[in-house]
N, C-alpha and C. Protein backbone atom coordinates (compact mmCIF):
# COMPACT_ATOMS: atom_id res chain seq x y z
N UNK A 1 3.53 13.95 20.01
CA UNK A 1 3.42 12.99 18.82
C UNK A 1 1.85 13.29 18.53
N UNK A 2 1.68 13.84 17.72
CA UNK A 2 0.80 13.70 17.59
C UNK A 2 0.42 12.78 15.92
N UNK A 3 -0.63 13.15 15.19
CA UNK A 3 -1.32 12.12 14.15
C UNK A 3 -2.85 12.49 14.11
N UNK A 4 -3.12 11.37 13.27
CA UNK A 4 -4.67 11.63 12.43
C UNK A 4 -5.21 10.75 13.83
N UNK A 5 -6.11 10.82 13.94
CA UNK A 5 -7.36 9.87 14.89
C UNK A 5 -8.19 8.81 14.97
N UNK A 6 -7.67 7.57 15.77
CA UNK A 6 -8.11 6.06 15.05
C UNK A 6 -10.38 6.30 15.37
N UNK A 7 -10.88 5.72 14.63
CA UNK A 7 -11.98 5.78 15.01
C UNK A 7 -12.12 4.94 16.51
N UNK A 8 -13.27 5.09 17.43
CA UNK A 8 -13.47 3.86 17.80
C UNK A 8 -14.37 3.12 16.88
N UNK A 9 -13.94 1.52 17.50
CA UNK A 9 -15.33 1.13 16.09
C UNK A 9 -16.36 0.71 17.32
N UNK A 10 -16.42 0.47 18.12
CA UNK A 10 -17.42 0.86 18.78
C UNK A 10 -18.70 1.86 18.50
N UNK A 11 -18.23 3.10 18.02
CA UNK A 11 -18.89 3.78 18.20
C UNK A 11 -19.42 4.08 16.32
N UNK A 12 -18.40 3.59 15.75
CA UNK A 12 -18.35 3.42 14.37
C UNK A 12 -20.00 2.57 13.91
N UNK A 13 -20.03 1.05 14.81
CA UNK A 13 -20.50 0.16 14.71
C UNK A 13 -22.03 1.03 14.92
N UNK A 14 -22.06 1.76 16.10
CA UNK A 14 -23.65 2.32 15.96
C UNK A 14 -24.13 3.28 15.80
N UNK A 15 -22.97 3.45 14.73
CA UNK A 15 -23.60 4.60 13.73
C UNK A 15 -25.08 3.59 12.50
N UNK A 16 -24.74 2.78 12.66
CA UNK A 16 -25.68 1.99 11.37
C UNK A 16 -27.20 1.88 12.30
N UNK A 17 -27.00 2.26 13.98
CA UNK A 17 -28.21 1.98 14.38
C UNK A 17 -29.18 2.93 13.96
N UNK A 18 -28.51 3.67 13.38
CA UNK A 18 -29.97 5.31 12.87
C UNK A 18 -30.48 4.49 11.65
N UNK A 19 -30.12 3.78 11.03
CA UNK A 19 -30.55 3.19 9.72
C UNK A 19 -31.36 2.37 9.77
N UNK A 20 -31.78 1.79 11.05
CA UNK A 20 -32.45 0.74 11.29
C UNK A 20 -34.26 1.34 11.09
N UNK A 21 -34.98 0.67 11.08
CA UNK A 21 -35.45 -0.59 10.76
C UNK A 21 -35.09 -0.94 8.93
N UNK A 22 -34.85 -2.26 8.82
CA UNK A 22 -34.54 -2.89 6.97
C UNK A 22 -35.64 -3.87 6.83
N UNK A 23 -35.80 -4.13 5.74
CA UNK A 23 -35.77 -5.66 5.56
C UNK A 23 -35.00 -6.14 5.23
N UNK A 24 -35.88 -7.90 4.41
CA UNK A 24 -34.78 -8.56 4.58
C UNK A 24 -33.99 -8.79 3.54
N UNK A 25 -34.26 -7.69 2.59
CA UNK A 25 -33.22 -7.76 1.73
C UNK A 25 -31.94 -6.76 1.32
N UNK A 26 -33.23 -5.50 2.02
CA UNK A 26 -31.83 -4.54 2.72
C UNK A 26 -30.77 -4.53 3.55
N UNK A 27 -31.06 -5.90 4.68
CA UNK A 27 -30.30 -6.27 5.61
C UNK A 27 -29.21 -6.98 5.51
N UNK A 28 -29.61 -8.16 4.60
CA UNK A 28 -28.57 -9.46 3.43
C UNK A 28 -27.58 -8.48 2.71
N UNK A 29 -28.24 -7.07 2.19
CA UNK A 29 -27.20 -6.60 1.39
C UNK A 29 -25.66 -5.92 2.60
N UNK A 30 -26.37 -4.92 3.49
CA UNK A 30 -25.67 -4.44 4.09
C UNK A 30 -24.56 -5.27 4.74
N UNK A 31 -25.30 -6.52 5.50
CA UNK A 31 -24.21 -7.09 6.16
C UNK A 31 -23.00 -7.55 5.55
N UNK A 32 -23.38 -8.45 3.83
CA UNK A 32 -22.50 -8.74 3.25
C UNK A 32 -21.76 -7.37 2.43
N UNK A 33 -22.25 -6.43 2.96
CA UNK A 33 -21.11 -5.04 2.41
C UNK A 33 -20.19 -5.59 3.70
N UNK A 34 -20.95 -4.90 5.03
CA UNK A 34 -19.55 -4.61 6.02
C UNK A 34 -18.72 -5.59 6.15
N UNK A 35 -19.12 -7.24 5.70
CA UNK A 35 -18.10 -8.43 5.39
C UNK A 35 -17.29 -8.01 5.12
N UNK A 36 -17.37 -7.62 3.46
CA UNK A 36 -16.71 -7.73 2.22
C UNK A 36 -15.66 -6.43 2.84
N UNK A 37 -15.95 -5.30 3.54
CA UNK A 37 -15.05 -4.57 3.98
C UNK A 37 -14.26 -4.23 5.23
N UNK A 38 -14.82 -5.64 5.31
CA UNK A 38 -13.48 -6.32 7.07
C UNK A 38 -12.67 -6.48 7.13
N UNK A 39 -11.84 -6.80 5.57
CA UNK A 39 -10.66 -7.72 5.49
C UNK A 39 -10.15 -8.67 6.21
N UNK A 40 -10.96 -9.40 6.53
CA UNK A 40 -10.62 -10.04 7.41
C UNK A 40 -11.00 -11.89 6.74
N UNK A 41 -10.03 -12.39 6.46
CA UNK A 41 -9.61 -13.31 6.00
C UNK A 41 -10.57 -14.56 6.89
N UNK A 42 -11.39 -15.45 5.91
CA UNK A 42 -12.01 -16.48 7.02
C UNK A 42 -11.63 -17.69 7.06
N UNK A 43 -11.63 -18.68 7.99
CA UNK A 43 -10.86 -19.98 8.17
C UNK A 43 -11.33 -20.81 7.33
N UNK A 44 -13.49 -20.83 7.57
CA UNK A 44 -14.01 -21.18 7.19
C UNK A 44 -15.10 -21.11 5.60
N UNK A 45 -14.98 -21.92 4.84
CA UNK A 45 -14.59 -21.85 3.55
C UNK A 45 -16.45 -21.41 3.83
N UNK A 46 -17.51 -21.75 4.72
CA UNK A 46 -19.19 -21.26 4.59
C UNK A 46 -18.92 -19.94 4.45
N UNK A 47 -18.20 -19.01 5.28
CA UNK A 47 -18.46 -17.64 5.50
C UNK A 47 -18.05 -17.51 4.40
N UNK A 48 -17.28 -17.65 3.40
CA UNK A 48 -16.86 -16.46 2.62
C UNK A 48 -18.07 -16.05 1.76
N UNK A 49 -18.93 -16.61 1.48
CA UNK A 49 -20.31 -16.17 0.69
C UNK A 49 -21.63 -15.09 2.07
N UNK A 50 -21.61 -13.81 1.46
CA UNK A 50 -22.68 -13.13 2.09
C UNK A 50 -24.23 -13.67 2.43
N UNK A 51 -24.35 -13.60 3.02
CA UNK A 51 -25.49 -14.39 4.15
C UNK A 51 -26.98 -13.33 2.86
N UNK A 52 -27.88 -15.03 2.33
CA UNK A 52 -28.50 -14.03 1.20
C UNK A 52 -30.06 -14.31 2.10
N UNK A 53 -30.70 -13.82 1.70
CA UNK A 53 -32.15 -14.14 2.59
C UNK A 53 -32.49 -15.40 2.85
N UNK A 54 -32.13 -15.95 2.33
CA UNK A 54 -32.94 -17.51 2.75
C UNK A 54 -32.17 -18.52 3.67
N UNK A 55 -30.57 -17.34 4.00
CA UNK A 55 -29.73 -17.44 4.88
C UNK A 55 -30.05 -17.59 6.62
N UNK A 56 -30.05 -16.07 6.38
CA UNK A 56 -31.62 -15.40 7.66
C UNK A 56 -32.58 -16.05 7.73
N UNK A 57 -33.64 -16.59 6.88
CA UNK A 57 -34.38 -17.23 7.37
C UNK A 57 -34.06 -18.65 8.62
N UNK A 58 -33.38 -19.02 7.26
CA UNK A 58 -32.78 -20.51 8.69
C UNK A 58 -32.26 -19.90 10.02
N UNK A 59 -31.62 -18.90 9.98
CA UNK A 59 -30.87 -18.83 11.43
C UNK A 59 -32.57 -17.90 12.46
N UNK A 60 -33.14 -17.94 11.79
CA UNK A 60 -34.50 -17.47 12.37
C UNK A 60 -34.99 -18.67 13.31
N UNK A 61 -35.04 -19.49 12.22
CA UNK A 61 -35.48 -20.85 12.64
C UNK A 61 -34.65 -21.45 13.43
N UNK A 62 -33.97 -21.62 13.39
CA UNK A 62 -33.14 -22.36 13.97
C UNK A 62 -32.97 -21.16 15.44
N UNK A 63 -33.09 -20.28 15.72
CA UNK A 63 -33.02 -19.48 16.85
C UNK A 63 -31.76 -18.29 16.50
N UNK A 64 -30.89 -18.81 15.84
CA UNK A 64 -29.74 -18.31 15.89
C UNK A 64 -30.08 -16.45 16.09
N UNK A 65 -31.20 -16.29 14.77
CA UNK A 65 -31.83 -14.73 14.90
C UNK A 65 -32.89 -14.30 15.34
N UNK A 66 -33.07 -13.48 15.85
CA UNK A 66 -34.38 -13.47 16.63
C UNK A 66 -35.29 -12.71 15.51
N UNK A 67 -36.57 -13.39 16.04
CA UNK A 67 -37.90 -13.52 15.00
C UNK A 67 -38.34 -12.17 14.58
N UNK A 68 -38.60 -11.60 13.40
CA UNK A 68 -38.25 -10.12 12.87
C UNK A 68 -40.16 -9.36 13.30
N UNK A 69 -40.73 -8.18 13.20
CA UNK A 69 -40.98 -7.45 13.44
C UNK A 69 -42.19 -7.73 12.56
N UNK A 70 -43.10 -7.79 12.49
CA UNK A 70 -44.20 -8.13 11.50
C UNK A 70 -44.38 -9.75 11.09
N UNK A 71 -44.78 -9.42 9.47
CA UNK A 71 -44.60 -11.15 8.68
C UNK A 71 -44.60 -10.98 7.70
N UNK A 72 -44.25 -11.99 6.95
CA UNK A 72 -44.10 -11.58 4.57
C UNK A 72 -43.28 -10.57 4.42
N UNK A 73 -44.06 -10.03 3.40
CA UNK A 73 -43.04 -8.64 3.16
C UNK A 73 -43.14 -7.72 3.96
N UNK A 74 -43.77 -7.57 4.67
CA UNK A 74 -43.64 -6.45 6.28
C UNK A 74 -43.31 -6.94 7.60
N UNK A 75 -42.17 -7.91 7.43
CA UNK A 75 -41.15 -7.68 8.42
C UNK A 75 -39.48 -6.98 8.20
N UNK A 76 -39.81 -6.54 9.19
CA UNK A 76 -38.57 -6.27 9.62
C UNK A 76 -38.03 -5.75 10.99
N UNK A 77 -36.50 -5.84 10.60
CA UNK A 77 -35.55 -6.25 11.29
C UNK A 77 -34.76 -4.93 11.88
N UNK A 78 -34.30 -5.24 12.93
CA UNK A 78 -33.55 -3.91 13.57
C UNK A 78 -32.18 -3.87 13.43
N UNK A 79 -31.42 -3.07 14.70
CA UNK A 79 -30.01 -3.16 14.54
C UNK A 79 -29.83 -4.50 15.45
N UNK A 80 -30.65 -4.78 16.73
CA UNK A 80 -30.32 -6.11 16.88
C UNK A 80 -29.99 -7.31 16.44
N UNK A 81 -31.06 -7.49 15.29
CA UNK A 81 -30.52 -8.12 13.97
C UNK A 81 -29.33 -8.57 13.02
N UNK A 82 -29.26 -7.05 13.21
CA UNK A 82 -27.90 -6.81 12.36
C UNK A 82 -26.78 -7.32 13.21
N UNK A 83 -26.84 -7.13 14.53
CA UNK A 83 -25.83 -7.49 15.62
C UNK A 83 -25.74 -8.95 15.35
N UNK A 84 -27.01 -9.37 15.78
CA UNK A 84 -26.69 -11.19 15.52
C UNK A 84 -26.31 -11.73 14.32
N UNK A 85 -26.46 -11.13 12.87
CA UNK A 85 -26.35 -11.61 11.27
C UNK A 85 -24.55 -11.71 11.64
N UNK A 86 -24.21 -10.82 12.38
CA UNK A 86 -22.12 -9.61 12.14
C UNK A 86 -21.56 -10.90 12.59
N UNK A 87 -22.33 -10.98 14.08
CA UNK A 87 -21.61 -11.57 15.05
C UNK A 87 -21.94 -13.52 14.45
N UNK A 88 -22.97 -14.38 14.00
CA UNK A 88 -22.61 -15.51 13.07
C UNK A 88 -21.81 -15.50 12.23
N UNK A 89 -21.63 -14.58 11.11
CA UNK A 89 -20.62 -14.68 10.26
C UNK A 89 -19.25 -14.50 10.62
N UNK A 90 -18.77 -13.34 11.40
CA UNK A 90 -17.38 -13.38 11.80
C UNK A 90 -17.42 -14.80 12.42
N UNK A 91 -18.15 -15.59 13.38
CA UNK A 91 -17.75 -16.66 13.91
C UNK A 91 -17.72 -17.67 13.56
N UNK A 92 -18.44 -17.79 12.03
CA UNK A 92 -18.03 -18.99 11.21
C UNK A 92 -16.36 -18.59 10.16
N UNK A 93 -16.91 -17.05 10.45
CA UNK A 93 -14.73 -16.53 10.02
C UNK A 93 -13.16 -17.86 10.90
N UNK A 94 -14.21 -17.94 12.42
CA UNK A 94 -13.06 -17.74 13.04
C UNK A 94 -12.98 -19.69 13.04
N UNK A 95 -13.86 -20.71 12.25
CA UNK A 95 -14.42 -21.75 11.94
C UNK A 95 -15.39 -22.30 12.96
N UNK A 96 -15.84 -21.47 13.66
CA UNK A 96 -16.63 -22.34 14.67
C UNK A 96 -18.12 -22.88 13.56
N UNK A 97 -19.03 -23.81 14.43
CA UNK A 97 -19.66 -24.62 13.77
C UNK A 97 -21.24 -23.55 13.83
N UNK A 98 -22.10 -24.20 13.75
CA UNK A 98 -23.77 -24.04 13.53
C UNK A 98 -23.90 -24.25 15.49
N UNK A 99 -23.64 -25.31 15.29
CA UNK A 99 -23.71 -25.49 16.28
C UNK A 99 -23.63 -25.31 18.14
N UNK A 100 -21.77 -24.54 17.47
CA UNK A 100 -21.26 -23.74 18.84
C UNK A 100 -21.78 -22.43 19.15
N UNK A 101 -22.06 -22.22 17.28
CA UNK A 101 -22.40 -20.21 17.63
C UNK A 101 -23.89 -20.82 18.36
N UNK A 102 -24.63 -21.42 18.15
CA UNK A 102 -25.69 -21.59 18.85
C UNK A 102 -25.92 -21.45 20.02
N UNK A 103 -24.92 -22.24 20.58
CA UNK A 103 -24.51 -22.72 21.97
C UNK A 103 -24.08 -21.07 22.67
N UNK A 104 -23.17 -21.19 21.36
CA UNK A 104 -22.34 -19.81 22.56
C UNK A 104 -23.50 -18.58 22.13
N UNK A 105 -24.04 -18.08 21.39
CA UNK A 105 -25.20 -16.92 21.69
C UNK A 105 -26.72 -16.58 22.36
N UNK A 106 -26.64 -18.27 23.10
CA UNK A 106 -28.23 -18.00 23.74
C UNK A 106 -27.99 -16.94 24.70
N UNK A 107 -29.21 -16.41 24.60
CA UNK A 107 -29.64 -15.53 25.67
C UNK A 107 -28.38 -14.20 25.99
N UNK A 108 -27.36 -13.80 24.82
CA UNK A 108 -26.63 -12.50 24.76
C UNK A 108 -27.67 -11.77 24.25
N UNK A 109 -27.21 -10.68 25.43
CA UNK A 109 -26.98 -9.03 25.22
C UNK A 109 -27.05 -8.58 24.20
N UNK A 110 -27.55 -7.44 23.77
CA UNK A 110 -27.51 -6.30 22.85
C UNK A 110 -25.58 -5.48 22.54
N UNK A 111 -25.46 -5.32 23.81
CA UNK A 111 -24.49 -5.07 24.28
C UNK A 111 -23.22 -6.18 24.01
N UNK A 112 -22.92 -7.09 24.66
CA UNK A 112 -21.90 -8.00 24.43
C UNK A 112 -21.74 -8.21 22.87
N UNK A 113 -23.18 -8.77 22.36
CA UNK A 113 -23.58 -9.07 20.67
C UNK A 113 -22.09 -7.51 19.97
N UNK A 114 -22.91 -6.37 20.26
CA UNK A 114 -22.14 -5.18 19.45
C UNK A 114 -20.70 -5.33 20.33
N UNK A 115 -20.51 -5.18 21.36
CA UNK A 115 -19.00 -5.15 21.91
C UNK A 115 -18.13 -6.28 20.51
N UNK A 116 -18.78 -7.20 21.14
CA UNK A 116 -17.87 -8.74 19.80
C UNK A 116 -18.07 -8.09 18.58
N UNK A 117 -18.60 -8.11 18.53
CA UNK A 117 -18.54 -7.35 16.49
C UNK A 117 -17.48 -6.18 16.51
N UNK A 118 -17.68 -4.96 17.12
CA UNK A 118 -16.77 -4.89 17.34
C UNK A 118 -15.19 -4.40 17.06
N UNK A 119 -14.89 -5.44 18.53
CA UNK A 119 -14.01 -5.61 18.60
C UNK A 119 -13.48 -6.43 17.58
N UNK A 120 -14.45 -7.77 16.74
CA UNK A 120 -13.52 -8.85 15.99
C UNK A 120 -13.19 -7.58 14.68
N UNK A 121 -14.39 -6.99 13.99
CA UNK A 121 -13.94 -5.94 13.19
C UNK A 121 -12.65 -4.53 13.04
N UNK A 122 -12.69 -3.99 14.32
CA UNK A 122 -11.98 -3.45 14.26
C UNK A 122 -11.69 -2.01 13.71
N UNK A 123 -10.18 -1.82 13.91
CA UNK A 123 -10.65 -0.24 12.40
C UNK A 123 -10.86 -0.48 11.80
N UNK A 124 -11.05 -1.65 10.94
CA UNK A 124 -11.49 -1.93 9.60
C UNK A 124 -12.83 -1.57 9.34
N UNK A 125 -13.42 -1.91 10.33
CA UNK A 125 -15.36 -1.05 10.25
C UNK A 125 -15.34 0.25 9.06
N UNK A 126 -15.76 -0.31 8.26
CA UNK A 126 -16.44 1.88 7.74
C UNK A 126 -17.89 2.14 8.37
N UNK A 127 -16.99 3.70 8.40
CA UNK A 127 -18.67 3.52 8.55
C UNK A 127 -19.23 4.15 7.43
N UNK A 128 -20.61 4.02 7.39
CA UNK A 128 -21.59 3.73 6.73
C UNK A 128 -21.34 4.67 5.72
N UNK A 129 -21.09 5.93 5.52
CA UNK A 129 -21.10 6.54 4.54
C UNK A 129 -20.19 6.50 3.97
N UNK A 130 -18.95 5.29 4.37
CA UNK A 130 -17.59 5.13 3.29
C UNK A 130 -17.70 3.56 2.95
N UNK A 131 -19.43 2.77 2.77
CA UNK A 131 -19.42 1.00 2.74
C UNK A 131 -19.19 1.13 1.26
N UNK A 132 -18.83 0.19 0.70
CA UNK A 132 -19.06 0.28 -0.73
C UNK A 132 -21.16 -1.17 -1.18
N UNK A 133 -21.84 0.03 -0.82
CA UNK A 133 -22.53 -0.87 -0.97
C UNK A 133 -23.29 -1.22 -2.32
N UNK A 134 -23.19 -2.61 -2.72
CA UNK A 134 -23.90 -2.63 -4.69
C UNK A 134 -24.59 -3.49 -4.30
N UNK A 135 -25.81 -2.86 -4.14
CA UNK A 135 -27.09 -3.96 -4.20
C UNK A 135 -27.98 -3.56 -5.39
N UNK A 136 -28.19 -4.94 -6.08
CA UNK A 136 -28.72 -5.11 -7.28
C UNK A 136 -30.22 -4.89 -7.42
N UNK A 137 -30.47 -4.95 -6.18
CA UNK A 137 -32.23 -5.01 -6.32
C UNK A 137 -32.67 -3.20 -5.85
N UNK A 138 -31.25 -2.60 -5.84
CA UNK A 138 -31.32 -1.52 -5.72
C UNK A 138 -31.17 -0.50 -4.55
N UNK A 139 -30.61 1.02 -4.14
CA UNK A 139 -30.95 0.96 -2.39
C UNK A 139 -31.67 1.02 -1.98
N UNK A 140 -31.02 1.07 -0.48
CA UNK A 140 -31.44 0.59 0.50
C UNK A 140 -33.12 1.71 1.00
N UNK A 141 -34.55 1.49 1.53
CA UNK A 141 -35.43 2.29 1.38
C UNK A 141 -35.44 2.72 2.92
N UNK A 142 -36.15 3.90 3.28
CA UNK A 142 -36.62 4.02 4.32
C UNK A 142 -35.56 4.84 4.56
N UNK A 143 -35.25 4.93 5.88
CA UNK A 143 -34.39 5.47 6.71
C UNK A 143 -32.91 5.57 5.92
N UNK A 144 -32.44 4.43 5.72
CA UNK A 144 -31.20 4.01 4.95
C UNK A 144 -31.44 4.57 3.66
N UNK A 145 -32.04 4.66 3.09
CA UNK A 145 -32.13 5.37 2.04
C UNK A 145 -32.33 6.97 1.85
N UNK A 146 -32.86 7.63 3.39
CA UNK A 146 -33.01 8.71 3.46
C UNK A 146 -30.72 9.30 3.55
N UNK A 147 -30.91 8.41 4.73
CA UNK A 147 -29.68 8.38 4.87
C UNK A 147 -28.62 8.49 3.64
N UNK A 148 -28.32 7.81 3.04
CA UNK A 148 -27.85 7.76 1.64
C UNK A 148 -28.25 9.08 1.26
N UNK A 149 -28.97 9.37 0.41
CA UNK A 149 -29.83 10.85 -0.28
C UNK A 149 -29.05 12.53 0.74
N UNK A 150 -28.67 11.94 1.84
CA UNK A 150 -27.89 12.71 2.63
C UNK A 150 -25.99 12.78 2.22
N UNK A 151 -25.79 12.23 2.75
CA UNK A 151 -24.21 11.29 2.53
C UNK A 151 -24.61 12.11 0.60
N UNK A 152 -25.13 11.59 -0.17
CA UNK A 152 -24.89 12.16 -1.71
C UNK A 152 -24.99 13.90 -1.50
N UNK A 153 -25.26 14.32 -0.60
CA UNK A 153 -25.46 16.24 -0.66
C UNK A 153 -24.12 16.55 -0.25
N UNK A 154 -23.74 15.85 1.22
CA UNK A 154 -22.96 16.32 1.78
C UNK A 154 -21.94 15.89 0.67
N UNK A 155 -20.93 15.18 0.41
CA UNK A 155 -20.48 14.80 -0.66
C UNK A 155 -20.32 16.00 -2.02
N UNK A 156 -21.28 16.34 -2.53
CA UNK A 156 -21.66 17.29 -3.55
C UNK A 156 -20.62 18.73 -3.18
N UNK A 157 -20.98 18.85 -1.98
CA UNK A 157 -19.59 19.65 -1.17
C UNK A 157 -18.90 19.97 -0.89
N UNK A 158 -17.99 18.76 -1.33
CA UNK A 158 -16.36 17.98 -0.63
C UNK A 158 -15.42 18.91 -0.97
N UNK A 159 -14.62 19.72 -0.26
CA UNK A 159 -13.47 20.24 -0.74
C UNK A 159 -12.81 19.97 -2.11
N UNK A 160 -13.00 20.79 -2.84
CA UNK A 160 -12.17 20.38 -4.60
C UNK A 160 -10.93 20.55 -4.24
N UNK A 161 -10.58 20.61 -3.23
CA UNK A 161 -8.59 20.48 -3.08
C UNK A 161 -8.16 19.38 -2.60
N UNK A 162 -9.24 18.34 -2.20
CA UNK A 162 -8.80 17.13 -1.59
C UNK A 162 -8.40 16.66 -2.85
N UNK A 163 -7.16 15.52 -2.27
CA UNK A 163 -6.68 14.64 -3.57
C UNK A 163 -7.63 14.10 -3.37
N UNK A 164 -7.86 13.27 -4.57
CA UNK A 164 -8.92 11.95 -4.95
C UNK A 164 -8.44 10.55 -6.33
N UNK A 165 -8.77 9.95 -6.27
CA UNK A 165 -8.69 8.85 -7.20
C UNK A 165 -9.60 8.74 -8.36
N UNK A 166 -9.72 8.72 -9.59
CA UNK A 166 -11.02 8.81 -10.53
C UNK A 166 -10.85 7.72 -11.57
N UNK A 167 -11.68 7.28 -11.38
CA UNK A 167 -11.90 5.69 -12.29
C UNK A 167 -12.94 6.01 -13.75
N UNK A 168 -12.35 5.36 -14.55
CA UNK A 168 -12.69 5.97 -15.81
C UNK A 168 -13.21 4.08 -16.34
N UNK A 169 -14.92 4.52 -16.57
CA UNK A 169 -15.74 3.83 -17.22
C UNK A 169 -15.98 4.48 -18.53
N UNK A 170 -15.32 3.46 -19.67
CA UNK A 170 -16.09 3.57 -21.08
C UNK A 170 -17.29 3.29 -21.29
N UNK A 171 -17.46 4.47 -22.53
CA UNK A 171 -19.40 4.20 -22.75
C UNK A 171 -19.23 3.48 -23.84
N UNK A 172 -18.04 3.95 -24.91
CA UNK A 172 -18.64 3.63 -26.35
C UNK A 172 -17.05 4.83 -27.05
N UNK A 173 -16.65 4.41 -28.04
CA UNK A 173 -16.18 5.33 -29.06
C UNK A 173 -15.81 6.27 -29.14
N UNK A 174 -15.56 6.73 -28.35
CA UNK A 174 -14.84 8.70 -28.32
C UNK A 174 -15.48 9.22 -27.00
N UNK A 175 -16.01 8.29 -26.04
CA UNK A 175 -16.92 9.05 -24.77
C UNK A 175 -16.03 8.37 -23.72
N UNK A 176 -15.79 8.23 -22.12
CA UNK A 176 -15.71 7.98 -21.17
C UNK A 176 -15.88 8.53 -20.24
N UNK A 177 -16.31 7.47 -19.27
CA UNK A 177 -17.03 8.62 -17.78
C UNK A 177 -16.42 8.95 -17.65
N UNK A 178 -15.64 10.01 -16.48
CA UNK A 178 -14.45 10.50 -15.42
C UNK A 178 -15.04 10.02 -13.76
N UNK A 179 -15.47 9.35 -12.73
CA UNK A 179 -15.94 9.23 -11.55
C UNK A 179 -14.79 9.33 -10.44
N UNK A 180 -15.37 9.96 -9.67
CA UNK A 180 -14.73 10.61 -8.60
C UNK A 180 -14.41 9.35 -7.49
N UNK A 181 -13.37 8.14 -7.41
CA UNK A 181 -13.91 7.32 -6.33
C UNK A 181 -14.82 7.46 -5.01
N UNK A 182 -14.86 8.19 -4.24
CA UNK A 182 -15.85 8.86 -3.37
C UNK A 182 -16.68 9.25 -3.59
N UNK A 183 -16.95 10.32 -5.16
CA UNK A 183 -18.76 9.77 -5.02
C UNK A 183 -19.52 8.74 -4.67
N UNK A 184 -20.96 9.32 -4.20
CA UNK A 184 -21.99 7.94 -3.74
C UNK A 184 -21.94 7.13 -5.09
N UNK A 185 -21.99 7.49 -6.11
CA UNK A 185 -22.26 6.81 -7.29
C UNK A 185 -20.89 5.48 -6.94
N UNK A 186 -20.17 5.81 -7.16
CA UNK A 186 -18.81 5.05 -7.05
C UNK A 186 -18.88 3.77 -5.75
N UNK A 187 -18.94 4.33 -4.42
CA UNK A 187 -19.05 3.79 -3.92
C UNK A 187 -20.55 3.05 -3.11
N UNK A 188 -21.78 3.52 -3.47
CA UNK A 188 -22.52 2.97 -3.19
C UNK A 188 -23.95 2.76 -4.67
N UNK A 189 -22.82 2.74 -5.65
CA UNK A 189 -23.95 2.53 -6.50
C UNK A 189 -24.38 1.64 -7.25
N UNK A 190 -25.02 1.22 -8.32
CA UNK A 190 -25.17 0.25 -8.75
C UNK A 190 -23.60 -1.13 -9.74
N UNK A 191 -22.74 -0.21 -9.76
CA UNK A 191 -21.66 -0.73 -10.49
C UNK A 191 -21.29 -0.53 -11.77
N UNK A 192 -20.39 -0.47 -12.35
CA UNK A 192 -20.06 0.34 -13.21
C UNK A 192 -21.01 -0.35 -14.55
N UNK A 193 -20.99 -1.22 -15.18
CA UNK A 193 -21.98 -1.99 -16.08
C UNK A 193 -22.90 -1.20 -16.04
N UNK A 194 -23.93 -1.27 -14.85
CA UNK A 194 -25.41 -0.75 -15.02
C UNK A 194 -24.87 0.92 -15.17
N UNK A 195 -24.14 1.69 -14.76
CA UNK A 195 -24.17 2.99 -14.92
C UNK A 195 -23.85 3.41 -16.05
N UNK A 196 -22.48 2.48 -16.92
CA UNK A 196 -22.63 2.51 -18.17
C UNK A 196 -23.17 2.41 -19.00
N UNK A 197 -24.05 1.64 -19.47
CA UNK A 197 -25.19 1.06 -19.99
C UNK A 197 -26.36 2.47 -19.48
N UNK A 198 -26.93 2.69 -18.70
CA UNK A 198 -27.32 3.63 -18.09
C UNK A 198 -27.32 5.18 -18.78
N UNK A 199 -26.20 5.23 -19.37
CA UNK A 199 -25.75 6.29 -20.18
C UNK A 199 -25.63 6.64 -21.23
N UNK A 200 -25.24 4.85 -21.51
CA UNK A 200 -25.63 4.61 -22.90
C UNK A 200 -26.47 4.83 -23.75
N UNK A 201 -27.91 4.50 -23.24
CA UNK A 201 -29.24 5.17 -23.19
C UNK A 201 -29.66 6.06 -23.28
N UNK A 202 -29.12 7.18 -22.15
CA UNK A 202 -29.86 8.35 -22.48
C UNK A 202 -28.56 9.17 -23.71
N UNK A 203 -27.38 8.62 -23.38
CA UNK A 203 -26.82 9.27 -24.66
C UNK A 203 -27.38 9.45 -26.07
N UNK A 204 -28.22 7.96 -26.17
CA UNK A 204 -28.51 8.14 -27.57
C UNK A 204 -29.58 8.27 -27.68
N UNK A 205 -30.51 9.00 -26.68
CA UNK A 205 -31.93 9.58 -27.42
C UNK A 205 -31.72 11.26 -27.01
N UNK A 206 -29.93 11.70 -26.35
CA UNK A 206 -30.09 12.79 -26.88
C UNK A 206 -28.95 13.19 -28.61
N UNK A 207 -28.97 12.19 -29.13
CA UNK A 207 -28.38 11.58 -30.48
C UNK A 207 -29.36 12.67 -31.43
N UNK A 208 -29.59 12.36 -32.74
CA UNK A 208 -30.48 12.23 -34.09
C UNK A 208 -30.29 11.41 -34.38
N UNK A 209 -31.20 10.82 -34.79
CA UNK A 209 -31.29 9.65 -35.07
C UNK A 209 -31.22 9.18 -36.61
N UNK A 210 -30.27 8.38 -37.24
CA UNK A 210 -29.43 8.45 -38.37
C UNK A 210 -30.79 8.05 -39.42
N UNK A 211 -30.63 8.48 -40.55
CA UNK A 211 -31.33 7.77 -41.76
C UNK A 211 -31.14 6.85 -42.21
N UNK A 212 -29.99 6.90 -42.37
CA UNK A 212 -29.02 5.73 -43.55
C UNK A 212 -29.38 4.12 -43.08
């Protein structure tokens, strides 16, 4: 009996390691996107919100998340920080309190955190290049940004024979954008509204100004 191979959540999770380090903004956006894509229904309403930068700083002061490398705007966060934050939010989704999570996560090694996160997320965990990352502050920089550029180049040569789903984005009377849902602009772009507004401005510059 044959079929499509199922990916190993642990191996998929480790693909995110190559994107580290992150700044605080990118770490919050990345973990939030992974949680949104995980299809896990939270029991605790506090887990519904994506982790904010302020929340992550709070976790650091409480010892739930390790201190970053560097200080201020130069602070960077590693793959271990990514795992810690994922595990905290996943435990919250299971209904655990911060006090219980703090006790549970004391002195946990990276291997244990990694296996816990992979086991909880399971096959719903998307690979980094399939993550619907919409960050209002712009795409990740550094290694994350370079990885996104590589994925864009890869998708540009995608087999044209593959089935696809198209999104329609109205730009104005008589004009709309048809965007392949698998394209990076749809998966990791700023959202339909921003794309539409940017294209409207570009189209306006191409049109001759009316003297009326």
